[in-house]
Amino acid sequence: MPAIHFTVRGVPDAFRERARLRRWLHEVARDHGRTIVDLGYVLLTEEEMLRCNRAYLGHDDHTDVITFPLEDGPEVQGEVLLGHARIKENAAIYKVAMQQELRRVMVHGLLHLLGHADKTPAQRTAMRALEDKYLARWARISA
């Protein structure tokens, strides 16, 4: 099994260019001096995301991404849940392609696993800057 794997449950498979996604995500981790050993991205329905948000985080609202670290150590191990409906909705709101918004939440989840937080306004600004940096780098990753 590859170090980065993709699962789709109950929604259209939106993961395109999987080999390129893997190269890109590995590069993000390397920038942080880390190695991805087991990272799962799971694309879910809105209902399943809400259930997970309630069950695991105690939040009763919709979200586009929930990140679960599996180990706390130098190697990246975790699972990132992605809400298909919310990603699609945000893409329309921000007038970007769904694939770009999907990549944004994917890297957002990885950045959490790499130790970045987004609880304060300053942290959110820093997180957004990193997302933008790595989205720009996507274009330089060979297909």
N, C-alpha and C. Protein backbone atom coordinates (compact mmCIF):
# COMPACT_ATOMS: atom_id res chain seq x y z
N MET A 1 0.84 -1.18 0.00
CA MET A 1 0.00 0.00 0.00
C MET A 1 0.89 1.25 0.00
N PRO A 2 0.54 2.25 -0.84
CA PRO A 2 1.32 3.49 -0.87
C PRO A 2 1.23 4.23 0.46
N ALA A 3 2.21 5.05 0.75
CA ALA A 3 2.22 5.83 1.98
C ALA A 3 1.04 6.78 2.05
N ILE A 4 0.55 7.23 0.91
CA ILE A 4 -0.62 8.11 0.84
C ILE A 4 -1.69 7.37 0.06
N HIS A 5 -2.86 7.22 0.70
CA HIS A 5 -3.94 6.51 0.03
C HIS A 5 -5.22 7.33 0.05
N PHE A 6 -6.09 7.02 -0.88
CA PHE A 6 -7.31 7.78 -1.11
C PHE A 6 -8.51 6.84 -1.05
N THR A 7 -9.54 7.27 -0.32
CA THR A 7 -10.77 6.49 -0.20
C THR A 7 -11.95 7.41 -0.48
N VAL A 8 -12.96 6.88 -1.13
CA VAL A 8 -14.15 7.65 -1.46
C VAL A 8 -15.35 6.88 -0.94
N ARG A 9 -16.22 7.55 -0.17
CA ARG A 9 -17.41 6.89 0.38
C ARG A 9 -18.67 7.69 0.09
N GLY A 10 -19.47 7.18 -0.83
CA GLY A 10 -20.80 7.74 -1.08
C GLY A 10 -20.84 9.01 -1.90
N VAL A 11 -19.71 9.41 -2.47
CA VAL A 11 -19.66 10.62 -3.29
C VAL A 11 -18.84 10.31 -4.55
N PRO A 12 -18.93 11.18 -5.57
CA PRO A 12 -18.10 10.96 -6.76
C PRO A 12 -16.60 11.02 -6.41
N ASP A 13 -15.82 10.21 -7.08
CA ASP A 13 -14.38 10.21 -6.85
C ASP A 13 -13.78 11.47 -7.44
N ALA A 14 -13.36 12.38 -6.58
CA ALA A 14 -12.80 13.65 -7.02
C ALA A 14 -11.28 13.67 -6.99
N PHE A 15 -10.66 12.57 -6.56
CA PHE A 15 -9.20 12.53 -6.50
C PHE A 15 -8.65 12.30 -7.91
N ARG A 16 -8.09 13.35 -8.49
CA ARG A 16 -7.50 13.29 -9.83
C ARG A 16 -5.98 13.31 -9.70
N GLU A 17 -5.32 12.73 -10.65
CA GLU A 17 -3.86 12.78 -10.71
C GLU A 17 -3.23 12.32 -9.39
N ARG A 18 -3.60 11.13 -8.98
CA ARG A 18 -3.18 10.63 -7.67
C ARG A 18 -1.66 10.55 -7.50
N ALA A 19 -0.95 10.13 -8.52
CA ALA A 19 0.51 10.06 -8.41
C ALA A 19 1.10 11.45 -8.21
N ARG A 20 0.56 12.42 -8.93
CA ARG A 20 1.02 13.80 -8.79
C ARG A 20 0.67 14.34 -7.40
N LEU A 21 -0.52 14.04 -6.91
CA LEU A 21 -0.91 14.44 -5.55
C LEU A 21 0.08 13.87 -4.53
N ARG A 22 0.44 12.62 -4.69
CA ARG A 22 1.38 12.00 -3.74
C ARG A 22 2.73 12.72 -3.77
N ARG A 23 3.24 13.01 -4.97
CA ARG A 23 4.53 13.71 -5.07
C ARG A 23 4.45 15.08 -4.39
N TRP A 24 3.37 15.77 -4.63
CA TRP A 24 3.16 17.11 -4.06
C TRP A 24 3.10 17.05 -2.54
N LEU A 25 2.32 16.15 -2.00
CA LEU A 25 2.17 16.05 -0.54
C LEU A 25 3.48 15.61 0.12
N HIS A 26 4.19 14.69 -0.50
CA HIS A 26 5.50 14.30 0.03
C HIS A 26 6.46 15.50 0.06
N GLU A 27 6.38 16.33 -0.96
CA GLU A 27 7.24 17.52 -1.02
C GLU A 27 6.90 18.49 0.11
N VAL A 28 5.62 18.68 0.39
CA VAL A 28 5.20 19.54 1.50
C VAL A 28 5.79 19.02 2.81
N ALA A 29 5.68 17.73 3.03
CA ALA A 29 6.22 17.14 4.26
C ALA A 29 7.74 17.32 4.32
N ARG A 30 8.43 17.09 3.20
CA ARG A 30 9.89 17.26 3.17
C ARG A 30 10.30 18.69 3.52
N ASP A 31 9.51 19.66 3.08
CA ASP A 31 9.78 21.06 3.42
C ASP A 31 9.78 21.28 4.93
N HIS A 32 9.08 20.43 5.64
CA HIS A 32 8.99 20.53 7.09
C HIS A 32 9.95 19.55 7.79
N GLY A 33 10.81 18.92 6.99
CA GLY A 33 11.76 17.97 7.56
C GLY A 33 11.13 16.68 8.02
N ARG A 34 9.99 16.33 7.42
CA ARG A 34 9.23 15.15 7.86
C ARG A 34 9.04 14.20 6.68
N THR A 35 8.67 12.97 7.01
CA THR A 35 8.39 11.94 6.03
C THR A 35 6.98 11.40 6.27
N ILE A 36 6.22 11.24 5.20
CA ILE A 36 4.89 10.64 5.30
C ILE A 36 5.06 9.12 5.23
N VAL A 37 4.58 8.42 6.25
CA VAL A 37 4.64 6.96 6.23
C VAL A 37 3.25 6.34 6.07
N ASP A 38 2.21 7.05 6.51
CA ASP A 38 0.85 6.53 6.36
C ASP A 38 -0.13 7.68 6.47
N LEU A 39 -0.66 8.10 5.35
CA LEU A 39 -1.58 9.23 5.31
C LEU A 39 -2.77 8.85 4.45
N GLY A 40 -3.95 8.88 5.03
CA GLY A 40 -5.17 8.56 4.31
C GLY A 40 -6.06 9.77 4.14
N TYR A 41 -6.54 9.95 2.94
CA TYR A 41 -7.53 10.98 2.64
C TYR A 41 -8.83 10.26 2.33
N VAL A 42 -9.90 10.66 3.02
CA VAL A 42 -11.20 10.01 2.86
C VAL A 42 -12.22 11.07 2.48
N LEU A 43 -12.81 10.93 1.31
CA LEU A 43 -13.81 11.86 0.80
C LEU A 43 -15.19 11.33 1.18
N LEU A 44 -15.96 12.15 1.92
CA LEU A 44 -17.22 11.69 2.52
C LEU A 44 -18.41 12.57 2.13
N THR A 45 -19.60 12.02 2.38
CA THR A 45 -20.83 12.78 2.20
C THR A 45 -20.94 13.84 3.30
N GLU A 46 -21.79 14.79 3.08
CA GLU A 46 -22.03 15.84 4.08
C GLU A 46 -22.56 15.24 5.38
N GLU A 47 -23.45 14.26 5.26
CA GLU A 47 -24.03 13.64 6.45
C GLU A 47 -22.97 12.90 7.26
N GLU A 48 -22.07 12.20 6.58
CA GLU A 48 -21.01 11.46 7.27
C GLU A 48 -20.02 12.42 7.93
N MET A 49 -19.70 13.51 7.26
CA MET A 49 -18.81 14.50 7.86
C MET A 49 -19.43 15.10 9.11
N LEU A 50 -20.72 15.41 9.06
CA LEU A 50 -21.40 15.97 10.23
C LEU A 50 -21.40 14.96 11.37
N ARG A 51 -21.65 13.69 11.06
CA ARG A 51 -21.63 12.64 12.08
C ARG A 51 -20.25 12.56 12.74
N CYS A 52 -19.20 12.59 11.92
CA CYS A 52 -17.83 12.52 12.46
C CYS A 52 -17.51 13.77 13.29
N ASN A 53 -17.94 14.93 12.82
CA ASN A 53 -17.68 16.16 13.55
C ASN A 53 -18.34 16.11 14.94
N ARG A 54 -19.56 15.58 14.98
CA ARG A 54 -20.27 15.46 16.26
C ARG A 54 -19.60 14.41 17.15
N ALA A 55 -19.32 13.25 16.57
CA ALA A 55 -18.82 12.12 17.35
C ALA A 55 -17.41 12.35 17.88
N TYR A 56 -16.52 12.88 17.06
CA TYR A 56 -15.12 12.96 17.44
C TYR A 56 -14.69 14.31 18.00
N LEU A 57 -15.37 15.37 17.57
CA LEU A 57 -14.95 16.70 18.00
C LEU A 57 -15.99 17.42 18.85
N GLY A 58 -17.20 16.85 18.92
CA GLY A 58 -18.26 17.49 19.69
C GLY A 58 -18.78 18.76 19.04
N HIS A 59 -18.57 18.92 17.74
CA HIS A 59 -19.05 20.09 17.00
C HIS A 59 -20.31 19.71 16.23
N ASP A 60 -21.30 20.57 16.29
CA ASP A 60 -22.55 20.30 15.59
C ASP A 60 -22.69 21.21 14.38
N ASP A 61 -21.64 21.22 13.55
CA ASP A 61 -21.70 22.03 12.35
C ASP A 61 -20.99 21.33 11.21
N HIS A 62 -21.22 21.84 10.03
CA HIS A 62 -20.63 21.26 8.83
C HIS A 62 -19.21 21.79 8.66
N THR A 63 -18.38 20.97 8.07
CA THR A 63 -16.99 21.36 7.84
C THR A 63 -16.48 20.70 6.57
N ASP A 64 -15.37 21.21 6.07
CA ASP A 64 -14.77 20.63 4.86
C ASP A 64 -13.63 19.68 5.17
N VAL A 65 -13.04 19.77 6.38
CA VAL A 65 -11.88 18.93 6.68
C VAL A 65 -11.79 18.67 8.18
N ILE A 66 -11.49 17.42 8.50
CA ILE A 66 -11.22 17.01 9.88
C ILE A 66 -9.95 16.16 9.82
N THR A 67 -8.98 16.48 10.68
CA THR A 67 -7.69 15.80 10.65
C THR A 67 -7.48 15.01 11.93
N PHE A 68 -7.03 13.78 11.77
CA PHE A 68 -6.74 12.89 12.89
C PHE A 68 -5.30 12.41 12.82
N PRO A 69 -4.44 12.88 13.73
CA PRO A 69 -3.08 12.30 13.77
C PRO A 69 -3.18 10.89 14.34
N LEU A 70 -2.42 9.96 13.77
CA LEU A 70 -2.43 8.59 14.26
C LEU A 70 -1.26 8.33 15.19
N GLU A 71 -0.19 9.07 15.01
CA GLU A 71 1.01 8.94 15.85
C GLU A 71 1.58 10.32 16.05
N ASP A 72 2.20 10.53 17.19
CA ASP A 72 2.88 11.79 17.45
C ASP A 72 4.38 11.52 17.41
N GLY A 73 4.99 11.83 16.31
CA GLY A 73 6.41 11.56 16.16
C GLY A 73 6.95 12.23 14.92
N PRO A 74 8.16 11.88 14.56
CA PRO A 74 8.80 12.53 13.41
C PRO A 74 8.20 12.13 12.06
N GLU A 75 7.56 10.98 12.01
CA GLU A 75 6.95 10.53 10.76
C GLU A 75 5.47 10.90 10.75
N VAL A 76 4.98 11.31 9.59
CA VAL A 76 3.59 11.71 9.45
C VAL A 76 2.72 10.48 9.29
N GLN A 77 1.78 10.33 10.20
CA GLN A 77 0.78 9.27 10.13
C GLN A 77 -0.55 9.87 10.54
N GLY A 78 -1.53 9.78 9.68
CA GLY A 78 -2.82 10.36 10.03
C GLY A 78 -3.87 10.08 8.99
N GLU A 79 -5.05 10.58 9.29
CA GLU A 79 -6.18 10.46 8.38
C GLU A 79 -6.84 11.82 8.28
N VAL A 80 -7.19 12.18 7.06
CA VAL A 80 -7.82 13.47 6.79
C VAL A 80 -9.17 13.19 6.14
N LEU A 81 -10.23 13.57 6.85
CA LEU A 81 -11.59 13.42 6.32
C LEU A 81 -11.94 14.69 5.56
N LEU A 82 -12.51 14.52 4.37
CA LEU A 82 -12.84 15.64 3.51
C LEU A 82 -14.32 15.60 3.16
N GLY A 83 -14.99 16.72 3.33
CA GLY A 83 -16.42 16.82 3.02
C GLY A 83 -16.66 17.27 1.59
N HIS A 84 -17.07 16.34 0.75
CA HIS A 84 -17.27 16.62 -0.68
C HIS A 84 -18.21 17.80 -0.91
N ALA A 85 -19.37 17.80 -0.27
CA ALA A 85 -20.37 18.85 -0.51
C ALA A 85 -19.84 20.22 -0.10
N ARG A 86 -19.18 20.29 1.03
CA ARG A 86 -18.66 21.57 1.53
C ARG A 86 -17.52 22.07 0.62
N ILE A 87 -16.69 21.16 0.14
CA ILE A 87 -15.60 21.55 -0.78
C ILE A 87 -16.19 22.11 -2.07
N LYS A 88 -17.20 21.42 -2.58
CA LYS A 88 -17.86 21.87 -3.82
C LYS A 88 -18.51 23.24 -3.62
N GLU A 89 -19.16 23.40 -2.48
CA GLU A 89 -19.82 24.68 -2.16
C GLU A 89 -18.79 25.80 -2.02
N ASN A 90 -17.69 25.53 -1.31
CA ASN A 90 -16.65 26.55 -1.13
C ASN A 90 -15.99 26.92 -2.45
N ALA A 91 -15.83 25.95 -3.33
CA ALA A 91 -15.26 26.24 -4.65
C ALA A 91 -16.14 27.24 -5.39
N ALA A 92 -17.45 27.05 -5.31
CA ALA A 92 -18.37 27.98 -5.97
C ALA A 92 -18.32 29.36 -5.30
N ILE A 93 -18.30 29.39 -3.98
CA ILE A 93 -18.25 30.67 -3.25
C ILE A 93 -17.00 31.45 -3.61
N TYR A 94 -15.85 30.78 -3.62
CA TYR A 94 -14.57 31.45 -3.87
C TYR A 94 -14.20 31.52 -5.34
N LYS A 95 -15.10 30.99 -6.18
CA LYS A 95 -14.92 31.04 -7.64
C LYS A 95 -13.59 30.41 -8.08
N VAL A 96 -13.36 29.20 -7.56
CA VAL A 96 -12.19 28.41 -7.97
C VAL A 96 -12.69 27.04 -8.41
N ALA A 97 -11.86 26.34 -9.12
CA ALA A 97 -12.21 24.99 -9.55
C ALA A 97 -12.30 24.06 -8.34
N MET A 98 -13.19 23.10 -8.41
CA MET A 98 -13.32 22.15 -7.30
C MET A 98 -11.99 21.46 -7.00
N GLN A 99 -11.23 21.12 -8.03
CA GLN A 99 -9.94 20.46 -7.80
C GLN A 99 -8.98 21.35 -7.01
N GLN A 100 -9.01 22.65 -7.26
CA GLN A 100 -8.15 23.55 -6.49
C GLN A 100 -8.59 23.60 -5.03
N GLU A 101 -9.89 23.68 -4.80
CA GLU A 101 -10.38 23.71 -3.42
C GLU A 101 -10.11 22.38 -2.71
N LEU A 102 -10.23 21.28 -3.43
CA LEU A 102 -9.90 19.98 -2.86
C LEU A 102 -8.43 19.95 -2.45
N ARG A 103 -7.55 20.42 -3.32
CA ARG A 103 -6.12 20.45 -2.97
C ARG A 103 -5.88 21.36 -1.77
N ARG A 104 -6.61 22.47 -1.66
CA ARG A 104 -6.44 23.38 -0.52
C ARG A 104 -6.76 22.65 0.79
N VAL A 105 -7.88 21.94 0.84
CA VAL A 105 -8.23 21.26 2.10
C VAL A 105 -7.31 20.06 2.35
N MET A 106 -6.82 19.45 1.28
CA MET A 106 -5.87 18.35 1.47
C MET A 106 -4.59 18.85 2.12
N VAL A 107 -4.04 19.95 1.60
CA VAL A 107 -2.80 20.48 2.17
C VAL A 107 -3.07 21.07 3.55
N HIS A 108 -4.26 21.62 3.76
CA HIS A 108 -4.63 22.14 5.08
C HIS A 108 -4.56 21.02 6.12
N GLY A 109 -5.14 19.88 5.78
CA GLY A 109 -5.10 18.74 6.70
C GLY A 109 -3.68 18.29 6.96
N LEU A 110 -2.85 18.22 5.92
CA LEU A 110 -1.45 17.82 6.10
C LEU A 110 -0.71 18.83 6.96
N LEU A 111 -0.98 20.12 6.76
CA LEU A 111 -0.31 21.14 7.57
C LEU A 111 -0.65 20.97 9.05
N HIS A 112 -1.88 20.58 9.35
CA HIS A 112 -2.22 20.28 10.76
C HIS A 112 -1.35 19.13 11.26
N LEU A 113 -1.21 18.09 10.47
CA LEU A 113 -0.40 16.95 10.88
C LEU A 113 1.08 17.32 11.03
N LEU A 114 1.49 18.37 10.35
CA LEU A 114 2.86 18.84 10.44
C LEU A 114 3.06 19.84 11.59
N GLY A 115 2.00 20.08 12.34
CA GLY A 115 2.12 20.91 13.53
C GLY A 115 1.56 22.32 13.45
N HIS A 116 0.97 22.67 12.34
CA HIS A 116 0.40 24.02 12.21
C HIS A 116 -1.01 24.06 12.78
N ALA A 117 -1.34 25.15 13.44
CA ALA A 117 -2.67 25.34 14.03
C ALA A 117 -3.37 26.50 13.33
N ASP A 118 -4.68 26.57 13.54
CA ASP A 118 -5.45 27.68 12.96
C ASP A 118 -6.54 28.16 13.92
N LYS A 119 -6.22 28.19 15.20
CA LYS A 119 -7.20 28.58 16.22
C LYS A 119 -7.34 30.10 16.34
N THR A 120 -6.25 30.84 16.18
CA THR A 120 -6.27 32.29 16.33
C THR A 120 -6.27 32.96 14.97
N PRO A 121 -6.64 34.23 14.91
CA PRO A 121 -6.56 34.94 13.63
C PRO A 121 -5.16 34.92 13.02
N ALA A 122 -4.13 35.10 13.83
CA ALA A 122 -2.76 35.08 13.31
C ALA A 122 -2.41 33.70 12.76
N GLN A 123 -2.83 32.65 13.45
CA GLN A 123 -2.56 31.29 12.98
C GLN A 123 -3.31 31.02 11.68
N ARG A 124 -4.54 31.50 11.59
CA ARG A 124 -5.32 31.30 10.36
C ARG A 124 -4.66 32.01 9.18
N THR A 125 -4.15 33.21 9.42
CA THR A 125 -3.46 33.95 8.37
C THR A 125 -2.20 33.20 7.93
N ALA A 126 -1.44 32.70 8.88
CA ALA A 126 -0.23 31.94 8.56
C ALA A 126 -0.57 30.65 7.81
N MET A 127 -1.63 29.98 8.24
CA MET A 127 -2.05 28.74 7.58
C MET A 127 -2.46 29.03 6.15
N ARG A 128 -3.21 30.09 5.93
CA ARG A 128 -3.66 30.44 4.58
C ARG A 128 -2.46 30.75 3.69
N ALA A 129 -1.46 31.43 4.23
CA ALA A 129 -0.26 31.74 3.46
C ALA A 129 0.46 30.45 3.05
N LEU A 130 0.54 29.49 3.95
CA LEU A 130 1.16 28.20 3.61
C LEU A 130 0.34 27.46 2.57
N GLU A 131 -0.97 27.46 2.72
CA GLU A 131 -1.82 26.82 1.72
C GLU A 131 -1.55 27.43 0.34
N ASP A 132 -1.53 28.76 0.27
CA ASP A 132 -1.29 29.45 -1.00
C ASP A 132 0.08 29.09 -1.56
N LYS A 133 1.08 29.04 -0.70
CA LYS A 133 2.44 28.67 -1.13
C LYS A 133 2.44 27.29 -1.79
N TYR A 134 1.80 26.33 -1.12
CA TYR A 134 1.83 24.97 -1.65
C TYR A 134 0.89 24.77 -2.83
N LEU A 135 -0.20 25.54 -2.90
CA LEU A 135 -1.04 25.49 -4.09
C LEU A 135 -0.29 26.03 -5.30
N ALA A 136 0.51 27.06 -5.10
CA ALA A 136 1.32 27.60 -6.20
C ALA A 136 2.35 26.56 -6.63
N ARG A 137 2.88 25.83 -5.69
CA ARG A 137 3.89 24.81 -6.01
C ARG A 137 3.27 23.67 -6.83
N TRP A 138 1.99 23.41 -6.65
CA TRP A 138 1.31 22.33 -7.39
C TRP A 138 1.60 22.43 -8.88
N ALA A 139 1.58 23.64 -9.41
CA ALA A 139 1.77 23.85 -10.83
C ALA A 139 3.15 23.39 -11.30
N ARG A 140 4.12 23.35 -10.38
CA ARG A 140 5.48 22.95 -10.75
C ARG A 140 5.72 21.44 -10.59
N ILE A 141 4.76 20.73 -10.04
CA ILE A 141 4.88 19.28 -9.89
C ILE A 141 4.51 18.64 -11.22
N SER A 142 5.40 17.85 -11.76
CA SER A 142 5.14 17.27 -13.09
C SER A 142 4.00 16.28 -13.05
N ALA A 143 3.24 16.29 -14.12
CA ALA A 143 2.11 15.38 -14.25
C ALA A 143 2.63 14.03 -14.56
